[in-house]
Amino acid sequence: MFFEKATNHYLTAFDPSAGVTKELAKSLVEDGNDPSVFQSFNMKQGDVAALEAKGVGIMAAGGHFFTVRKVHGQWTSFDSANHPAPKPYGSLAQLMKAEARNGQIWVGA
């Protein structure tokens, strides 16, 4: 479902004159470096306050995306590319300092 919805995002996000084919849209999805695709999943770019209020979101930094959420009162990074298991932090501020890398925050709308 993700790949189909994300592919449709690229097919409709560009001006038709750009000539985005289904093959090109699929390759953009597989490349995975464009957080705008999250808009197709009812997410919007937010800030730390929005993340704190929702308790879950996606961090997008340098073409790499990962989920963060509050689990049993502790903010946890689910960045499987950089941690062998979910990594808990004492606070959202600590998580942001360690992992945000000046990236974007995406939260449910």
PDB file of N, CA and C in Angstrom:
ATOM      1  N   MET A   1       0.807  -1.182   0.000  1.00  0.00           N
ATOM      2  CA  MET A   1       0.000   0.000   0.000  1.00  0.00           C
ATOM      3  C   MET A   1       0.862   1.263   0.000  1.00  0.00           C
ATOM      4  N   PHE A   2       1.958   1.268   0.764  1.00  0.00           N
ATOM      5  CA  PHE A   2       2.804   2.455   0.806  1.00  0.00           C
ATOM      6  C   PHE A   2       3.325   2.806  -0.583  1.00  0.00           C
ATOM      7  N   PHE A   3       3.886   1.827  -1.293  1.00  0.00           N
ATOM      8  CA  PHE A   3       4.492   2.121  -2.592  1.00  0.00           C
ATOM      9  C   PHE A   3       3.457   2.625  -3.595  1.00  0.00           C
ATOM     10  N   GLU A   4       2.272   2.050  -3.567  1.00  0.00           N
ATOM     11  CA  GLU A   4       1.220   2.490  -4.484  1.00  0.00           C
ATOM     12  C   GLU A   4       0.800   3.931  -4.181  1.00  0.00           C
ATOM     13  N   LYS A   5       0.584   4.227  -2.919  1.00  0.00           N
ATOM     14  CA  LYS A   5       0.153   5.568  -2.529  1.00  0.00           C
ATOM     15  C   LYS A   5       1.258   6.592  -2.792  1.00  0.00           C
ATOM     16  N   ALA A   6       2.495   6.235  -2.486  1.00  0.00           N
ATOM     17  CA  ALA A   6       3.620   7.144  -2.717  1.00  0.00           C
ATOM     18  C   ALA A   6       3.842   7.365  -4.217  1.00  0.00           C
ATOM     19  N   THR A   7       3.688   6.323  -5.027  1.00  0.00           N
ATOM     20  CA  THR A   7       3.824   6.467  -6.485  1.00  0.00           C
ATOM     21  C   THR A   7       2.752   7.423  -7.008  1.00  0.00           C
ATOM     22  N   ASN A   8       1.531   7.270  -6.538  1.00  0.00           N
ATOM     23  CA  ASN A   8       0.451   8.177  -6.954  1.00  0.00           C
ATOM     24  C   ASN A   8       0.744   9.617  -6.535  1.00  0.00           C
ATOM     25  N   HIS A   9       1.398   9.790  -5.409  1.00  0.00           N
ATOM     26  CA  HIS A   9       1.790  11.138  -4.968  1.00  0.00           C
ATOM     27  C   HIS A   9       2.638  11.802  -6.055  1.00  0.00           C
ATOM     28  N   TYR A  10       3.638  11.095  -6.551  1.00  0.00           N
ATOM     29  CA  TYR A  10       4.525  11.681  -7.556  1.00  0.00           C
ATOM     30  C   TYR A  10       3.833  11.864  -8.909  1.00  0.00           C
ATOM     31  N   LEU A  11       2.905  10.995  -9.208  1.00  0.00           N
ATOM     32  CA  LEU A  11       2.187  11.138 -10.477  1.00  0.00           C
ATOM     33  C   LEU A  11       1.294  12.375 -10.480  1.00  0.00           C
ATOM     34  N   THR A  12       0.859  12.807  -9.304  1.00  0.00           N
ATOM     35  CA  THR A  12      -0.048  13.960  -9.237  1.00  0.00           C
ATOM     36  C   THR A  12       0.615  15.226  -8.691  1.00  0.00           C
ATOM     37  N   ALA A  13       1.795  15.122  -8.098  1.00  0.00           N
ATOM     38  CA  ALA A  13       2.437  16.277  -7.467  1.00  0.00           C
ATOM     39  C   ALA A  13       3.078  17.233  -8.470  1.00  0.00           C
ATOM     40  N   PHE A  14       3.404  16.733  -9.641  1.00  0.00           N
ATOM     41  CA  PHE A  14       4.099  17.552 -10.626  1.00  0.00           C
ATOM     42  C   PHE A  14       3.153  18.039 -11.711  1.00  0.00           C
ATOM     43  N   ASP A  15       3.511  19.142 -12.319  1.00  0.00           N
ATOM     44  CA  ASP A  15       2.783  19.659 -13.478  1.00  0.00           C
ATOM     45  C   ASP A  15       2.808  18.578 -14.563  1.00  0.00           C
ATOM     46  N   PRO A  16       1.682  18.319 -15.231  1.00  0.00           N
ATOM     47  CA  PRO A  16       1.650  17.283 -16.272  1.00  0.00           C
ATOM     48  C   PRO A  16       2.704  17.479 -17.365  1.00  0.00           C
ATOM     49  N   SER A  17       3.088  18.719 -17.618  1.00  0.00           N
ATOM     50  CA  SER A  17       4.090  18.966 -18.656  1.00  0.00           C
ATOM     51  C   SER A  17       5.472  18.440 -18.267  1.00  0.00           C
ATOM     52  N   ALA A  18       5.655  18.109 -16.990  1.00  0.00           N
ATOM     53  CA  ALA A  18       6.940  17.555 -16.539  1.00  0.00           C
ATOM     54  C   ALA A  18       7.152  16.144 -17.071  1.00  0.00           C
ATOM     55  N   GLY A  19       6.072  15.496 -17.493  1.00  0.00           N
ATOM     56  CA  GLY A  19       6.183  14.167 -18.089  1.00  0.00           C
ATOM     57  C   GLY A  19       6.600  13.070 -17.128  1.00  0.00           C
ATOM     58  N   VAL A  20       6.116  13.135 -15.900  1.00  0.00           N
ATOM     59  CA  VAL A  20       6.455  12.102 -14.922  1.00  0.00           C
ATOM     60  C   VAL A  20       5.689  10.832 -15.271  1.00  0.00           C
ATOM     61  N   THR A  21       6.443   9.797 -15.617  1.00  0.00           N
ATOM     62  CA  THR A  21       5.849   8.504 -15.962  1.00  0.00           C
ATOM     63  C   THR A  21       5.722   7.659 -14.701  1.00  0.00           C
ATOM     64  N   LYS A  22       4.962   6.581 -14.798  1.00  0.00           N
ATOM     65  CA  LYS A  22       4.809   5.679 -13.653  1.00  0.00           C
ATOM     66  C   LYS A  22       6.171   5.091 -13.264  1.00  0.00           C
ATOM     67  N   GLU A  23       7.008   4.808 -14.244  1.00  0.00           N
ATOM     68  CA  GLU A  23       8.339   4.258 -13.955  1.00  0.00           C
ATOM     69  C   GLU A  23       9.189   5.266 -13.181  1.00  0.00           C
ATOM     70  N   LEU A  24       9.131   6.550 -13.611  1.00  0.00           N
ATOM     71  CA  LEU A  24       9.890   7.586 -12.911  1.00  0.00           C
ATOM     72  C   LEU A  24       9.337   7.769 -11.500  1.00  0.00           C
ATOM     73  N   ALA A  25       8.017   7.774 -11.354  1.00  0.00           N
ATOM     74  CA  ALA A  25       7.410   7.914 -10.035  1.00  0.00           C
ATOM     75  C   ALA A  25       7.852   6.781  -9.114  1.00  0.00           C
ATOM     76  N   LYS A  26       7.883   5.555  -9.628  1.00  0.00           N
ATOM     77  CA  LYS A  26       8.335   4.411  -8.823  1.00  0.00           C
ATOM     78  C   LYS A  26       9.785   4.590  -8.396  1.00  0.00           C
ATOM     79  N   SER A  27      10.631   5.093  -9.301  1.00  0.00           N
ATOM     80  CA  SER A  27      12.043   5.268  -8.947  1.00  0.00           C
ATOM     81  C   SER A  27      12.206   6.369  -7.893  1.00  0.00           C
ATOM     82  N   LEU A  28      11.361   7.402  -7.946  1.00  0.00           N
ATOM     83  CA  LEU A  28      11.403   8.442  -6.905  1.00  0.00           C
ATOM     84  C   LEU A  28      11.024   7.863  -5.549  1.00  0.00           C
ATOM     85  N   VAL A  29      10.039   6.977  -5.535  1.00  0.00           N
ATOM     86  CA  VAL A  29       9.637   6.328  -4.283  1.00  0.00           C
ATOM     87  C   VAL A  29      10.783   5.470  -3.750  1.00  0.00           C
ATOM     88  N   GLU A  30      11.392   4.702  -4.620  1.00  0.00           N
ATOM     89  CA  GLU A  30      12.473   3.811  -4.195  1.00  0.00           C
ATOM     90  C   GLU A  30      13.695   4.583  -3.732  1.00  0.00           C
ATOM     91  N   ASP A  31      13.918   5.775  -4.311  1.00  0.00           N
ATOM     92  CA  ASP A  31      15.038   6.616  -3.906  1.00  0.00           C
ATOM     93  C   ASP A  31      14.848   7.074  -2.463  1.00  0.00           C
ATOM     94  N   GLY A  32      13.609   7.410  -2.106  1.00  0.00           N
ATOM     95  CA  GLY A  32      13.257   7.714  -0.720  1.00  0.00           C
ATOM     96  C   GLY A  32      13.837   8.975  -0.127  1.00  0.00           C
ATOM     97  N   ASN A  33      14.207   9.947  -0.932  1.00  0.00           N
ATOM     98  CA  ASN A  33      14.826  11.152  -0.379  1.00  0.00           C
ATOM     99  C   ASN A  33      13.919  12.373  -0.356  1.00  0.00           C
ATOM    100  N   ASP A  34      12.628  12.203  -0.533  1.00  0.00           N
ATOM    101  CA  ASP A  34      11.719  13.341  -0.585  1.00  0.00           C
ATOM    102  C   ASP A  34      10.624  13.206   0.454  1.00  0.00           C
ATOM    103  N   PRO A  35      10.738  13.952   1.551  1.00  0.00           N
ATOM    104  CA  PRO A  35       9.720  13.818   2.597  1.00  0.00           C
ATOM    105  C   PRO A  35       8.346  14.341   2.205  1.00  0.00           C
ATOM    106  N   SER A  36       8.205  15.034   1.069  1.00  0.00           N
ATOM    107  CA  SER A  36       6.888  15.551   0.689  1.00  0.00           C
ATOM    108  C   SER A  36       5.878  14.427   0.491  1.00  0.00           C
ATOM    109  N   VAL A  37       6.360  13.218   0.267  1.00  0.00           N
ATOM    110  CA  VAL A  37       5.458  12.080   0.088  1.00  0.00           C
ATOM    111  C   VAL A  37       4.611  11.836   1.341  1.00  0.00           C
ATOM    112  N   PHE A  38       5.075  12.289   2.503  1.00  0.00           N
ATOM    113  CA  PHE A  38       4.315  12.102   3.733  1.00  0.00           C
ATOM    114  C   PHE A  38       2.965  12.812   3.683  1.00  0.00           C
ATOM    115  N   GLN A  39       2.838  13.836   2.829  1.00  0.00           N
ATOM    116  CA  GLN A  39       1.575  14.541   2.681  1.00  0.00           C
ATOM    117  C   GLN A  39       0.473  13.591   2.220  1.00  0.00           C
ATOM    118  N   SER A  40       0.829  12.581   1.444  1.00  0.00           N
ATOM    119  CA  SER A  40      -0.148  11.610   0.962  1.00  0.00           C
ATOM    120  C   SER A  40      -0.643  10.689   2.073  1.00  0.00           C
ATOM    121  N   PHE A  41       0.015  10.727   3.210  1.00  0.00           N
ATOM    122  CA  PHE A  41      -0.358   9.897   4.345  1.00  0.00           C
ATOM    123  C   PHE A  41      -0.923  10.751   5.481  1.00  0.00           C
ATOM    124  N   ASN A  42      -1.515  11.893   5.091  1.00  0.00           N
ATOM    125  CA  ASN A  42      -2.159  12.812   6.028  1.00  0.00           C
ATOM    126  C   ASN A  42      -1.192  13.296   7.112  1.00  0.00           C
ATOM    127  N   MET A  43       0.046  13.565   6.698  1.00  0.00           N
ATOM    128  CA  MET A  43       1.030  14.117   7.615  1.00  0.00           C
ATOM    129  C   MET A  43       1.403  15.512   7.131  1.00  0.00           C
ATOM    130  N   LYS A  44       1.864  16.328   8.056  1.00  0.00           N
ATOM    131  CA  LYS A  44       2.300  17.677   7.696  1.00  0.00           C
ATOM    132  C   LYS A  44       3.604  17.980   8.413  1.00  0.00           C
ATOM    133  N   GLN A  45       4.349  18.907   7.827  1.00  0.00           N
ATOM    134  CA  GLN A  45       5.584  19.314   8.469  1.00  0.00           C
ATOM    135  C   GLN A  45       5.228  20.071   9.740  1.00  0.00           C
ATOM    136  N   GLY A  46       5.898  19.732  10.831  1.00  0.00           N
ATOM    137  CA  GLY A  46       5.586  20.325  12.115  1.00  0.00           C
ATOM    138  C   GLY A  46       6.832  20.827  12.821  1.00  0.00           C
ATOM    139  N   ASP A  47       6.710  20.976  14.111  1.00  0.00           N
ATOM    140  CA  ASP A  47       7.817  21.436  14.935  1.00  0.00           C
ATOM    141  C   ASP A  47       7.848  20.603  16.219  1.00  0.00           C
ATOM    142  N   VAL A  48       8.757  20.942  17.101  1.00  0.00           N
ATOM    143  CA  VAL A  48       8.919  20.177  18.339  1.00  0.00           C
ATOM    144  C   VAL A  48       7.631  20.194  19.161  1.00  0.00           C
ATOM    145  N   ALA A  49       6.939  21.329  19.204  1.00  0.00           N
ATOM    146  CA  ALA A  49       5.698  21.411  19.982  1.00  0.00           C
ATOM    147  C   ALA A  49       4.635  20.470  19.412  1.00  0.00           C
ATOM    148  N   ALA A  50       4.529  20.399  18.091  1.00  0.00           N
ATOM    149  CA  ALA A  50       3.557  19.494  17.465  1.00  0.00           C
ATOM    150  C   ALA A  50       3.925  18.043  17.734  1.00  0.00           C
ATOM    151  N   LEU A  51       5.218  17.733  17.685  1.00  0.00           N
ATOM    152  CA  LEU A  51       5.673  16.375  17.966  1.00  0.00           C
ATOM    153  C   LEU A  51       5.367  16.009  19.419  1.00  0.00           C
ATOM    154  N   GLU A  52       5.627  16.917  20.316  1.00  0.00           N
ATOM    155  CA  GLU A  52       5.344  16.670  21.732  1.00  0.00           C
ATOM    156  C   GLU A  52       3.849  16.422  21.945  1.00  0.00           C
ATOM    157  N   ALA A  53       3.015  17.197  21.263  1.00  0.00           N
ATOM    158  CA  ALA A  53       1.565  17.059  21.420  1.00  0.00           C
ATOM    159  C   ALA A  53       1.050  15.740  20.848  1.00  0.00           C
ATOM    160  N   LYS A  54       1.594  15.311  19.721  1.00  0.00           N
ATOM    161  CA  LYS A  54       1.139  14.072  19.065  1.00  0.00           C
ATOM    162  C   LYS A  54       1.728  12.828  19.720  1.00  0.00           C
ATOM    163  N   GLY A  55       2.966  12.940  20.201  1.00  0.00           N
ATOM    164  CA  GLY A  55       3.614  11.784  20.824  1.00  0.00           C
ATOM    165  C   GLY A  55       4.231  10.814  19.834  1.00  0.00           C
ATOM    166  N   VAL A  56       4.150  11.130  18.547  1.00  0.00           N
ATOM    167  CA  VAL A  56       4.744  10.288  17.516  1.00  0.00           C
ATOM    168  C   VAL A  56       4.944  11.128  16.265  1.00  0.00           C
ATOM    169  N   GLY A  57       6.005  10.830  15.520  1.00  0.00           N
ATOM    170  CA  GLY A  57       6.255  11.550  14.279  1.00  0.00           C
ATOM    171  C   GLY A  57       7.386  10.916  13.504  1.00  0.00           C
ATOM    172  N   ILE A  58       7.729  11.569  12.429  1.00  0.00           N
ATOM    173  CA  ILE A  58       8.826  11.115  11.579  1.00  0.00           C
ATOM    174  C   ILE A  58       9.869  12.216  11.520  1.00  0.00           C
ATOM    175  N   MET A  59      11.125  11.841  11.702  1.00  0.00           N
ATOM    176  CA  MET A  59      12.244  12.768  11.530  1.00  0.00           C
ATOM    177  C   MET A  59      12.798  12.529  10.129  1.00  0.00           C
ATOM    178  N   ALA A  60      13.036  13.602   9.407  1.00  0.00           N
ATOM    179  CA  ALA A  60      13.615  13.527   8.069  1.00  0.00           C
ATOM    180  C   ALA A  60      14.890  14.348   8.075  1.00  0.00           C
ATOM    181  N   ALA A  61      16.021  13.670   7.940  1.00  0.00           N
ATOM    182  CA  ALA A  61      17.308  14.362   7.987  1.00  0.00           C
ATOM    183  C   ALA A  61      18.251  13.775   6.955  1.00  0.00           C
ATOM    184  N   GLY A  62      18.708  14.597   6.044  1.00  0.00           N
ATOM    185  CA  GLY A  62      19.709  14.159   5.067  1.00  0.00           C
ATOM    186  C   GLY A  62      19.274  12.982   4.214  1.00  0.00           C
ATOM    187  N   GLY A  63      18.013  12.945   3.799  1.00  0.00           N
ATOM    188  CA  GLY A  63      17.538  11.852   2.960  1.00  0.00           C
ATOM    189  C   GLY A  63      17.252  10.571   3.723  1.00  0.00           C
ATOM    190  N   HIS A  64      17.260  10.660   5.029  1.00  0.00           N
ATOM    191  CA  HIS A  64      17.020   9.487   5.875  1.00  0.00           C
ATOM    192  C   HIS A  64      15.820   9.787   6.767  1.00  0.00           C
ATOM    193  N   PHE A  65      14.867   8.873   6.848  1.00  0.00           N
ATOM    194  CA  PHE A  65      13.650   9.071   7.636  1.00  0.00           C
ATOM    195  C   PHE A  65      13.541   7.982   8.690  1.00  0.00           C
ATOM    196  N   PHE A  66      13.054   8.362   9.858  1.00  0.00           N
ATOM    197  CA  PHE A  66      12.826   7.361  10.889  1.00  0.00           C
ATOM    198  C   PHE A  66      11.744   7.860  11.841  1.00  0.00           C
ATOM    199  N   THR A  67      11.107   6.928  12.495  1.00  0.00           N
ATOM    200  CA  THR A  67      10.019   7.229  13.418  1.00  0.00           C
ATOM    201  C   THR A  67      10.564   7.499  14.815  1.00  0.00           C
ATOM    202  N   VAL A  68       9.953   8.455  15.493  1.00  0.00           N
ATOM    203  CA  VAL A  68      10.210   8.692  16.912  1.00  0.00           C
ATOM    204  C   VAL A  68       8.851   8.707  17.603  1.00  0.00           C
ATOM    205  N   ARG A  69       8.801   8.182  18.801  1.00  0.00           N
ATOM    206  CA  ARG A  69       7.538   8.227  19.542  1.00  0.00           C
ATOM    207  C   ARG A  69       7.791   8.076  21.029  1.00  0.00           C
ATOM    208  N   LYS A  70       6.792   8.456  21.784  1.00  0.00           N
ATOM    209  CA  LYS A  70       6.854   8.347  23.228  1.00  0.00           C
ATOM    210  C   LYS A  70       6.323   6.972  23.616  1.00  0.00           C
ATOM    211  N   VAL A  71       7.158   6.189  24.278  1.00  0.00           N
ATOM    212  CA  VAL A  71       6.800   4.830  24.689  1.00  0.00           C
ATOM    213  C   VAL A  71       6.951   4.743  26.208  1.00  0.00           C
ATOM    214  N   HIS A  72       5.852   4.485  26.891  1.00  0.00           N
ATOM    215  CA  HIS A  72       5.864   4.385  28.353  1.00  0.00           C
ATOM    216  C   HIS A  72       6.544   5.603  28.984  1.00  0.00           C
ATOM    217  N   GLY A  73       6.233   6.778  28.445  1.00  0.00           N
ATOM    218  CA  GLY A  73       6.754   8.014  29.008  1.00  0.00           C
ATOM    219  C   GLY A  73       8.144   8.408  28.560  1.00  0.00           C
ATOM    220  N   GLN A  74       8.789   7.582  27.722  1.00  0.00           N
ATOM    221  CA  GLN A  74      10.141   7.880  27.261  1.00  0.00           C
ATOM    222  C   GLN A  74      10.153   8.062  25.753  1.00  0.00           C
ATOM    223  N   TRP A  75      10.785   9.140  25.289  1.00  0.00           N
ATOM    224  CA  TRP A  75      10.919   9.346  23.849  1.00  0.00           C
ATOM    225  C   TRP A  75      11.916   8.339  23.301  1.00  0.00           C
ATOM    226  N   THR A  76      11.529   7.686  22.195  1.00  0.00           N
ATOM    227  CA  THR A  76      12.316   6.590  21.640  1.00  0.00           C
ATOM    228  C   THR A  76      12.511   6.793  20.149  1.00  0.00           C
ATOM    229  N   SER A  77      13.741   6.534  19.687  1.00  0.00           N
ATOM    230  CA  SER A  77      14.063   6.583  18.267  1.00  0.00           C
ATOM    231  C   SER A  77      13.972   5.175  17.700  1.00  0.00           C
ATOM    232  N   PHE A  78      13.281   5.056  16.569  1.00  0.00           N
ATOM    233  CA  PHE A  78      13.179   3.776  15.874  1.00  0.00           C
ATOM    234  C   PHE A  78      13.994   3.831  14.584  1.00  0.00           C
ATOM    235  N   ASP A  79      15.185   4.411  14.672  1.00  0.00           N
ATOM    236  CA  ASP A  79      16.091   4.570  13.534  1.00  0.00           C
ATOM    237  C   ASP A  79      16.894   3.287  13.362  1.00  0.00           C
ATOM    238  N   SER A  80      16.321   2.346  12.630  1.00  0.00           N
ATOM    239  CA  SER A  80      16.957   1.028  12.484  1.00  0.00           C
ATOM    240  C   SER A  80      18.239   1.073  11.654  1.00  0.00           C
ATOM    241  N   ALA A  81      18.465   2.140  10.920  1.00  0.00           N
ATOM    242  CA  ALA A  81      19.706   2.244  10.153  1.00  0.00           C
ATOM    243  C   ALA A  81      20.888   2.587  11.058  1.00  0.00           C
ATOM    244  N   ASN A  82      20.622   3.218  12.202  1.00  0.00           N
ATOM    245  CA  ASN A  82      21.698   3.647  13.088  1.00  0.00           C
ATOM    246  C   ASN A  82      21.703   2.992  14.459  1.00  0.00           C
ATOM    247  N   HIS A  83      20.662   2.236  14.783  1.00  0.00           N
ATOM    248  CA  HIS A  83      20.580   1.569  16.081  1.00  0.00           C
ATOM    249  C   HIS A  83      20.091   0.134  15.872  1.00  0.00           C
ATOM    250  N   PRO A  84      20.692  -0.841  16.556  1.00  0.00           N
ATOM    251  CA  PRO A  84      20.251  -2.229  16.387  1.00  0.00           C
ATOM    252  C   PRO A  84      18.879  -2.514  17.004  1.00  0.00           C
ATOM    253  N   ALA A  85      18.431  -1.617  17.869  1.00  0.00           N
ATOM    254  CA  ALA A  85      17.124  -1.763  18.529  1.00  0.00           C
ATOM    255  C   ALA A  85      16.600  -0.362  18.818  1.00  0.00           C
ATOM    256  N   PRO A  86      15.304  -0.227  19.127  1.00  0.00           N
ATOM    257  CA  PRO A  86      14.789   1.097  19.493  1.00  0.00           C
ATOM    258  C   PRO A  86      15.649   1.716  20.602  1.00  0.00           C
ATOM    259  N   LYS A  87      15.954   3.013  20.446  1.00  0.00           N
ATOM    260  CA  LYS A  87      16.831   3.687  21.408  1.00  0.00           C
ATOM    261  C   LYS A  87      16.050   4.717  22.213  1.00  0.00           C
ATOM    262  N   PRO A  88      15.867   4.460  23.516  1.00  0.00           N
ATOM    263  CA  PRO A  88      15.131   5.407  24.362  1.00  0.00           C
ATOM    264  C   PRO A  88      16.031   6.569  24.804  1.00  0.00           C
ATOM    265  N   TYR A  89      15.379   7.722  25.001  1.00  0.00           N
ATOM    266  CA  TYR A  89      16.054   8.911  25.511  1.00  0.00           C
ATOM    267  C   TYR A  89      15.287   9.411  26.720  1.00  0.00           C
ATOM    268  N   GLY A  90      15.961  10.126  27.596  1.00  0.00           N
ATOM    269  CA  GLY A  90      15.325  10.638  28.800  1.00  0.00           C
ATOM    270  C   GLY A  90      14.290  11.714  28.525  1.00  0.00           C
ATOM    271  N   SER A  91      14.449  12.410  27.397  1.00  0.00           N
ATOM    272  CA  SER A  91      13.509  13.487  27.067  1.00  0.00           C
ATOM    273  C   SER A  91      13.510  13.710  25.555  1.00  0.00           C
ATOM    274  N   LEU A  92      12.499  14.423  25.089  1.00  0.00           N
ATOM    275  CA  LEU A  92      12.447  14.776  23.675  1.00  0.00           C
ATOM    276  C   LEU A  92      13.623  15.680  23.324  1.00  0.00           C
ATOM    277  N   ALA A  93      14.002  16.569  24.222  1.00  0.00           N
ATOM    278  CA  ALA A  93      15.141  17.461  23.969  1.00  0.00           C
ATOM    279  C   ALA A  93      16.420  16.662  23.742  1.00  0.00           C
ATOM    280  N   GLN A  94      16.637  15.605  24.533  1.00  0.00           N
ATOM    281  CA  GLN A  94      17.829  14.769  24.354  1.00  0.00           C
ATOM    282  C   GLN A  94      17.789  14.039  23.016  1.00  0.00           C
ATOM    283  N   LEU A  95      16.619  13.517  22.662  1.00  0.00           N
ATOM    284  CA  LEU A  95      16.472  12.835  21.374  1.00  0.00           C
ATOM    285  C   LEU A  95      16.757  13.807  20.229  1.00  0.00           C
ATOM    286  N   MET A  96      16.184  15.003  20.304  1.00  0.00           N
ATOM    287  CA  MET A  96      16.377  15.993  19.248  1.00  0.00           C
ATOM    288  C   MET A  96      17.853  16.372  19.110  1.00  0.00           C
ATOM    289  N   LYS A  97      18.527  16.552  20.223  1.00  0.00           N
ATOM    290  CA  LYS A  97      19.946  16.927  20.181  1.00  0.00           C
ATOM    291  C   LYS A  97      20.788  15.815  19.555  1.00  0.00           C
ATOM    292  N   ALA A  98      20.479  14.583  19.880  1.00  0.00           N
ATOM    293  CA  ALA A  98      21.272  13.450  19.404  1.00  0.00           C
ATOM    294  C   ALA A  98      20.945  13.048  17.965  1.00  0.00           C
ATOM    295  N   GLU A  99      19.685  13.223  17.546  1.00  0.00           N
ATOM    296  CA  GLU A  99      19.279  12.605  16.287  1.00  0.00           C
ATOM    297  C   GLU A  99      18.698  13.533  15.228  1.00  0.00           C
ATOM    298  N   ALA A 100      18.279  14.723  15.587  1.00  0.00           N
ATOM    299  CA  ALA A 100      17.558  15.562  14.627  1.00  0.00           C
ATOM    300  C   ALA A 100      18.420  16.033  13.460  1.00  0.00           C
ATOM    301  N   ARG A 101      19.672  16.311  13.678  1.00  0.00           N
ATOM    302  CA  ARG A 101      20.586  16.741  12.608  1.00  0.00           C
ATOM    303  C   ARG A 101      19.974  17.842  11.731  1.00  0.00           C
ATOM    304  N   ASN A 102      19.307  18.811  12.356  1.00  0.00           N
ATOM    305  CA  ASN A 102      18.680  19.926  11.639  1.00  0.00           C
ATOM    306  C   ASN A 102      17.681  19.464  10.601  1.00  0.00           C
ATOM    307  N   GLY A 103      17.047  18.337  10.852  1.00  0.00           N
ATOM    308  CA  GLY A 103      16.080  17.794   9.900  1.00  0.00           C
ATOM    309  C   GLY A 103      14.687  18.322  10.106  1.00  0.00           C
ATOM    310  N   GLN A 104      13.780  17.750   9.365  1.00  0.00           N
ATOM    311  CA  GLN A 104      12.379  18.130   9.429  1.00  0.00           C
ATOM    312  C   GLN A 104      11.630  17.191  10.360  1.00  0.00           C
ATOM    313  N   ILE A 105      10.545  17.692  10.907  1.00  0.00           N
ATOM    314  CA  ILE A 105       9.656  16.894  11.743  1.00  0.00           C
ATOM    315  C   ILE A 105       8.328  16.798  10.999  1.00  0.00           C
ATOM    316  N   TRP A 106       7.810  15.588  10.878  1.00  0.00           N
ATOM    317  CA  TRP A 106       6.505  15.363  10.236  1.00  0.00           C
ATOM    318  C   TRP A 106       5.587  14.697  11.238  1.00  0.00           C
ATOM    319  N   VAL A 107       4.370  15.210  11.365  1.00  0.00           N
ATOM    320  CA  VAL A 107       3.385  14.673  12.308  1.00  0.00           C
ATOM    321  C   VAL A 107       2.047  14.490  11.604  1.00  0.00           C
ATOM    322  N   GLY A 108       1.197  13.658  12.193  1.00  0.00           N
ATOM    323  CA  GLY A 108      -0.131  13.454  11.641  1.00  0.00           C
ATOM    324  C   GLY A 108      -0.925  14.750  11.676  1.00  0.00           C
ATOM    325  N   ALA A 109      -1.686  14.972  10.615  1.00  0.00           N
ATOM    326  CA  ALA A 109      -2.470  16.219  10.521  1.00  0.00           C
ATOM    327  C   ALA A 109      -3.693  16.165  11.406  1.00  0.00           C
TER     328      ALA A 109
END
